[in-house]
């Protein structure tokens, strides 16, 4: 049986741990990605973009994406840049532990 003070201390430790996890750098990057995606959905008719992209075909995809990004509003471009930066940073955070402490040869 645990004492009341031990329960209070452990509850405080749990709150601090949860707060640290929810405000870690990786979590904040994930929040930025989610907010950027939400912003893009609000600013752009995503289904129309995919309809138009399907009409272009696979061979013209690079040209379509470049034209779509360059000919859109500044808010969409900024949101897309934030999303790409946060996603790349998040990807690095996820890949880093997989490649750390690996020997160069076997």
N, C-alpha and C. Protein backbone atom coordinates (compact mmCIF):
# COMPACT_ATOMS: atom_id res chain seq x y z
N UNK A 1 0.85 -1.18 0.00
CA UNK A 1 0.00 0.00 0.00
C UNK A 1 0.89 1.24 0.00
N UNK A 2 0.60 2.15 -0.86
CA UNK A 2 1.41 3.37 -0.93
C UNK A 2 0.76 4.47 -0.09
N UNK A 3 1.62 5.31 0.42
CA UNK A 3 1.12 6.40 1.25
C UNK A 3 0.58 7.52 0.38
N UNK A 4 -0.16 8.42 1.00
CA UNK A 4 -0.76 9.54 0.27
C UNK A 4 0.31 10.46 -0.30
N UNK A 5 1.37 10.69 0.44
CA UNK A 5 2.43 11.58 -0.05
C UNK A 5 3.15 10.95 -1.24
N UNK A 6 3.32 9.63 -1.20
CA UNK A 6 3.96 8.94 -2.32
C UNK A 6 3.08 9.04 -3.57
N UNK A 7 1.79 8.93 -3.42
CA UNK A 7 0.87 9.07 -4.54
C UNK A 7 0.92 10.49 -5.12
N UNK A 8 0.99 11.48 -4.25
CA UNK A 8 1.05 12.87 -4.71
C UNK A 8 2.35 13.15 -5.45
N UNK A 9 3.46 12.63 -4.92
CA UNK A 9 4.75 12.84 -5.57
C UNK A 9 4.76 12.16 -6.93
N UNK A 10 4.27 10.93 -6.99
CA UNK A 10 4.27 10.21 -8.26
C UNK A 10 3.31 10.86 -9.27
N UNK A 11 2.22 11.43 -8.79
CA UNK A 11 1.32 12.16 -9.69
C UNK A 11 2.03 13.38 -10.25
N UNK A 12 2.78 14.09 -9.42
CA UNK A 12 3.55 15.24 -9.89
C UNK A 12 4.62 14.84 -10.89
N UNK A 13 5.28 13.72 -10.64
CA UNK A 13 6.29 13.21 -11.57
C UNK A 13 5.63 12.85 -12.90
N UNK A 14 4.46 12.25 -12.84
CA UNK A 14 3.73 11.89 -14.06
C UNK A 14 3.35 13.11 -14.88
N UNK A 15 2.92 14.16 -14.21
CA UNK A 15 2.55 15.39 -14.90
C UNK A 15 3.77 16.02 -15.57
N UNK A 16 4.89 16.06 -14.87
CA UNK A 16 6.12 16.62 -15.43
C UNK A 16 6.58 15.80 -16.63
N UNK A 17 6.53 14.48 -16.50
CA UNK A 17 6.94 13.60 -17.60
C UNK A 17 6.05 13.81 -18.83
N UNK A 18 4.74 13.84 -18.62
CA UNK A 18 3.80 14.03 -19.73
C UNK A 18 4.01 15.39 -20.39
N UNK A 19 4.23 16.42 -19.58
CA UNK A 19 4.46 17.76 -20.13
C UNK A 19 5.73 17.79 -20.96
N UNK A 20 6.77 17.13 -20.47
CA UNK A 20 8.03 17.10 -21.24
C UNK A 20 7.85 16.36 -22.56
N UNK A 21 7.11 15.27 -22.54
CA UNK A 21 6.89 14.52 -23.77
C UNK A 21 6.05 15.32 -24.78
N UNK A 22 5.04 16.00 -24.28
CA UNK A 22 4.15 16.75 -25.17
C UNK A 22 4.78 18.03 -25.71
N UNK A 23 5.83 18.52 -25.05
CA UNK A 23 6.49 19.74 -25.51
C UNK A 23 7.91 19.48 -26.00
N UNK A 24 8.23 18.23 -26.28
CA UNK A 24 9.56 17.92 -26.81
C UNK A 24 9.70 18.49 -28.22
N UNK A 25 10.91 18.58 -28.69
CA UNK A 25 11.16 19.14 -30.02
C UNK A 25 10.47 18.31 -31.11
N UNK A 26 10.53 17.01 -30.98
CA UNK A 26 9.90 16.15 -31.97
C UNK A 26 8.38 16.33 -31.97
N UNK A 27 7.80 16.43 -30.79
CA UNK A 27 6.35 16.62 -30.70
C UNK A 27 5.95 17.97 -31.29
N UNK A 28 6.74 19.00 -31.02
CA UNK A 28 6.43 20.32 -31.58
C UNK A 28 6.52 20.32 -33.10
N UNK A 29 7.48 19.59 -33.64
CA UNK A 29 7.59 19.47 -35.10
C UNK A 29 6.37 18.75 -35.67
N UNK A 30 5.91 17.74 -34.96
CA UNK A 30 4.71 17.04 -35.39
C UNK A 30 3.49 17.96 -35.35
N UNK A 31 3.39 18.79 -34.34
CA UNK A 31 2.28 19.75 -34.24
C UNK A 31 2.34 20.75 -35.40
N UNK A 32 3.54 21.20 -35.74
CA UNK A 32 3.70 22.14 -36.85
C UNK A 32 3.29 21.49 -38.16
N UNK A 33 3.66 20.23 -38.36
CA UNK A 33 3.26 19.50 -39.56
C UNK A 33 1.73 19.39 -39.64
N UNK A 34 1.12 19.03 -38.53
CA UNK A 34 -0.34 18.89 -38.52
C UNK A 34 -1.03 20.23 -38.79
N UNK A 35 -0.54 21.29 -38.17
CA UNK A 35 -1.13 22.61 -38.38
C UNK A 35 -0.93 23.07 -39.83
N UNK A 36 0.23 22.79 -40.40
CA UNK A 36 0.49 23.17 -41.79
C UNK A 36 -0.41 22.40 -42.74
N UNK A 37 -0.58 21.12 -42.50
CA UNK A 37 -1.48 20.33 -43.34
C UNK A 37 -2.90 20.85 -43.25
N UNK A 38 -3.33 21.16 -42.04
CA UNK A 38 -4.67 21.72 -41.87
C UNK A 38 -4.79 23.05 -42.61
N UNK A 39 -3.75 23.88 -42.52
CA UNK A 39 -3.76 25.15 -43.22
C UNK A 39 -3.83 24.98 -44.73
N UNK A 40 -3.07 24.01 -45.26
CA UNK A 40 -3.12 23.76 -46.70
C UNK A 40 -4.50 23.29 -47.14
N UNK A 41 -5.12 22.43 -46.35
CA UNK A 41 -6.46 21.95 -46.69
C UNK A 41 -7.45 23.11 -46.69
N UNK A 42 -7.27 24.07 -45.79
CA UNK A 42 -8.16 25.21 -45.74
C UNK A 42 -7.91 26.19 -46.88
N UNK A 43 -6.67 26.29 -47.33
CA UNK A 43 -6.32 27.27 -48.35
C UNK A 43 -6.47 26.75 -49.78
N UNK A 44 -6.39 25.44 -49.96
CA UNK A 44 -6.35 24.85 -51.30
C UNK A 44 -7.46 23.83 -51.45
N UNK A 45 -8.04 23.74 -52.63
CA UNK A 45 -8.99 22.68 -52.93
C UNK A 45 -8.17 21.46 -53.34
N UNK A 46 -7.87 20.64 -52.38
CA UNK A 46 -6.94 19.53 -52.59
C UNK A 46 -7.48 18.56 -53.64
N UNK A 47 -8.76 18.27 -53.61
CA UNK A 47 -9.30 17.33 -54.59
C UNK A 47 -9.17 17.85 -56.02
N UNK A 48 -9.24 19.17 -56.19
CA UNK A 48 -9.05 19.75 -57.53
C UNK A 48 -7.59 19.62 -57.98
N UNK A 49 -6.69 19.78 -57.04
CA UNK A 49 -5.27 19.63 -57.39
C UNK A 49 -5.01 18.22 -57.89
N UNK A 50 -5.53 17.22 -57.19
CA UNK A 50 -5.32 15.83 -57.62
C UNK A 50 -6.06 15.51 -58.92
N UNK A 51 -7.22 16.11 -59.14
CA UNK A 51 -7.92 15.94 -60.41
C UNK A 51 -7.08 16.48 -61.56
N UNK A 52 -6.56 17.69 -61.38
CA UNK A 52 -5.73 18.30 -62.42
C UNK A 52 -4.43 17.53 -62.62
N UNK A 53 -3.87 17.04 -61.55
CA UNK A 53 -2.63 16.27 -61.64
C UNK A 53 -2.87 14.97 -62.40
N UNK A 54 -4.01 14.34 -62.18
CA UNK A 54 -4.34 13.11 -62.90
C UNK A 54 -4.49 13.38 -64.40
N UNK A 55 -4.98 14.55 -64.75
CA UNK A 55 -5.13 14.90 -66.17
C UNK A 55 -3.79 15.13 -66.85
N UNK A 56 -2.80 15.55 -66.10
CA UNK A 56 -1.48 15.82 -66.66
C UNK A 56 -0.75 14.52 -66.97
N UNK A 57 -0.90 13.54 -66.12
CA UNK A 57 -0.19 12.27 -66.31
C UNK A 57 1.14 12.27 -65.59
N UNK A 58 1.75 11.12 -65.59
CA UNK A 58 3.00 10.93 -64.85
C UNK A 58 4.17 11.68 -65.47
N UNK A 59 4.19 11.79 -66.79
CA UNK A 59 5.32 12.43 -67.47
C UNK A 59 5.40 13.93 -67.19
N UNK A 60 4.26 14.57 -66.94
CA UNK A 60 4.26 16.00 -66.69
C UNK A 60 4.14 16.38 -65.23
N UNK A 61 4.36 15.43 -64.34
CA UNK A 61 4.16 15.67 -62.91
C UNK A 61 5.09 16.75 -62.35
N UNK A 62 6.35 16.68 -62.70
CA UNK A 62 7.30 17.66 -62.17
C UNK A 62 6.95 19.07 -62.63
N UNK A 63 6.61 19.21 -63.88
CA UNK A 63 6.23 20.52 -64.42
C UNK A 63 4.93 21.00 -63.77
N UNK A 64 3.98 20.09 -63.55
CA UNK A 64 2.72 20.45 -62.92
C UNK A 64 2.93 20.93 -61.49
N UNK A 65 3.72 20.20 -60.71
CA UNK A 65 3.97 20.58 -59.32
C UNK A 65 4.67 21.93 -59.27
N UNK A 66 5.67 22.12 -60.12
CA UNK A 66 6.38 23.40 -60.14
C UNK A 66 5.43 24.55 -60.49
N UNK A 67 4.59 24.36 -61.49
CA UNK A 67 3.65 25.40 -61.88
C UNK A 67 2.61 25.64 -60.80
N UNK A 68 2.16 24.57 -60.15
CA UNK A 68 1.14 24.70 -59.11
C UNK A 68 1.69 25.48 -57.91
N UNK A 69 2.93 25.21 -57.54
CA UNK A 69 3.52 25.89 -56.39
C UNK A 69 3.85 27.34 -56.73
N UNK A 70 4.39 27.57 -57.89
CA UNK A 70 4.80 28.93 -58.26
C UNK A 70 3.63 29.86 -58.56
N UNK A 71 2.51 29.30 -58.99
CA UNK A 71 1.38 30.14 -59.39
C UNK A 71 0.27 30.17 -58.34
N UNK A 72 0.60 29.93 -57.11
CA UNK A 72 -0.40 29.97 -56.06
C UNK A 72 -0.17 31.19 -55.18
N UNK A 73 -1.04 31.40 -54.22
CA UNK A 73 -0.93 32.55 -53.32
C UNK A 73 0.27 32.40 -52.39
N UNK A 74 0.76 33.52 -51.91
CA UNK A 74 1.92 33.53 -51.02
C UNK A 74 1.66 32.76 -49.73
N UNK A 75 0.46 32.84 -49.21
CA UNK A 75 0.12 32.12 -47.97
C UNK A 75 0.27 30.62 -48.17
N UNK A 76 -0.14 30.12 -49.31
CA UNK A 76 -0.02 28.69 -49.60
C UNK A 76 1.46 28.32 -49.74
N UNK A 77 2.24 29.15 -50.41
CA UNK A 77 3.66 28.88 -50.56
C UNK A 77 4.37 28.86 -49.21
N UNK A 78 4.05 29.82 -48.35
CA UNK A 78 4.68 29.86 -47.03
C UNK A 78 4.28 28.64 -46.18
N UNK A 79 3.00 28.30 -46.24
CA UNK A 79 2.54 27.13 -45.50
C UNK A 79 3.21 25.87 -46.00
N UNK A 80 3.35 25.75 -47.30
CA UNK A 80 4.01 24.59 -47.89
C UNK A 80 5.49 24.53 -47.50
N UNK A 81 6.16 25.68 -47.48
CA UNK A 81 7.57 25.70 -47.06
C UNK A 81 7.71 25.30 -45.60
N UNK A 82 6.83 25.80 -44.73
CA UNK A 82 6.87 25.42 -43.31
C UNK A 82 6.63 23.92 -43.17
N UNK A 83 5.67 23.39 -43.91
CA UNK A 83 5.38 21.96 -43.85
C UNK A 83 6.58 21.14 -44.31
N UNK A 84 7.19 21.51 -45.40
CA UNK A 84 8.33 20.76 -45.91
C UNK A 84 9.51 20.82 -44.94
N UNK A 85 9.78 21.98 -44.37
CA UNK A 85 10.88 22.12 -43.42
C UNK A 85 10.62 21.28 -42.16
N UNK A 86 9.41 21.38 -41.62
CA UNK A 86 9.08 20.63 -40.41
C UNK A 86 9.08 19.13 -40.67
N UNK A 87 8.57 18.72 -41.83
CA UNK A 87 8.54 17.29 -42.17
C UNK A 87 9.96 16.74 -42.35
N UNK A 88 10.83 17.51 -43.00
CA UNK A 88 12.22 17.06 -43.17
C UNK A 88 12.91 16.96 -41.82
N UNK A 89 12.69 17.93 -40.97
CA UNK A 89 13.29 17.91 -39.64
C UNK A 89 12.75 16.74 -38.81
N UNK A 90 11.46 16.48 -38.92
CA UNK A 90 10.85 15.35 -38.22
C UNK A 90 11.38 14.03 -38.75
N UNK A 91 11.56 13.94 -40.05
CA UNK A 91 12.11 12.73 -40.65
C UNK A 91 13.54 12.48 -40.15
N UNK A 92 14.32 13.54 -40.05
CA UNK A 92 15.67 13.40 -39.51
C UNK A 92 15.63 12.92 -38.05
N UNK A 93 14.70 13.43 -37.27
CA UNK A 93 14.56 12.98 -35.89
C UNK A 93 14.20 11.51 -35.80
N UNK A 94 13.40 11.04 -36.75
CA UNK A 94 12.99 9.65 -36.73
C UNK A 94 14.06 8.70 -37.27
N UNK A 95 14.88 9.18 -38.21
CA UNK A 95 15.91 8.34 -38.81
C UNK A 95 17.18 8.31 -37.96
N UNK A 96 17.47 9.39 -37.27
CA UNK A 96 18.70 9.50 -36.49
C UNK A 96 18.92 8.32 -35.53
N UNK A 97 17.93 7.90 -34.74
CA UNK A 97 18.18 6.77 -33.84
C UNK A 97 18.44 5.45 -34.58
N UNK A 98 17.95 5.32 -35.78
CA UNK A 98 18.16 4.09 -36.54
C UNK A 98 19.59 3.96 -37.04
N UNK A 99 20.23 5.08 -37.27
CA UNK A 99 21.58 5.06 -37.85
C UNK A 99 22.66 5.35 -36.81
N UNK A 100 22.29 5.70 -35.60
CA UNK A 100 23.29 6.04 -34.58
C UNK A 100 23.96 4.78 -34.04
N UNK A 101 25.23 4.91 -33.71
CA UNK A 101 26.01 3.84 -33.10
C UNK A 101 26.10 2.58 -33.95
N UNK A 102 26.06 2.75 -35.24
CA UNK A 102 26.25 1.59 -36.12
C UNK A 102 27.70 1.53 -36.51
N UNK A 103 28.26 0.33 -36.50
CA UNK A 103 29.65 0.21 -36.95
C UNK A 103 29.75 0.43 -38.46
N UNK A 104 30.89 0.94 -38.88
CA UNK A 104 31.09 1.21 -40.30
C UNK A 104 31.27 -0.08 -41.10
N UNK A 105 31.80 -1.11 -40.47
CA UNK A 105 31.96 -2.40 -41.16
C UNK A 105 31.56 -3.51 -40.23
N UNK A 106 31.25 -4.64 -40.81
CA UNK A 106 30.83 -5.81 -40.02
C UNK A 106 31.91 -6.84 -39.94
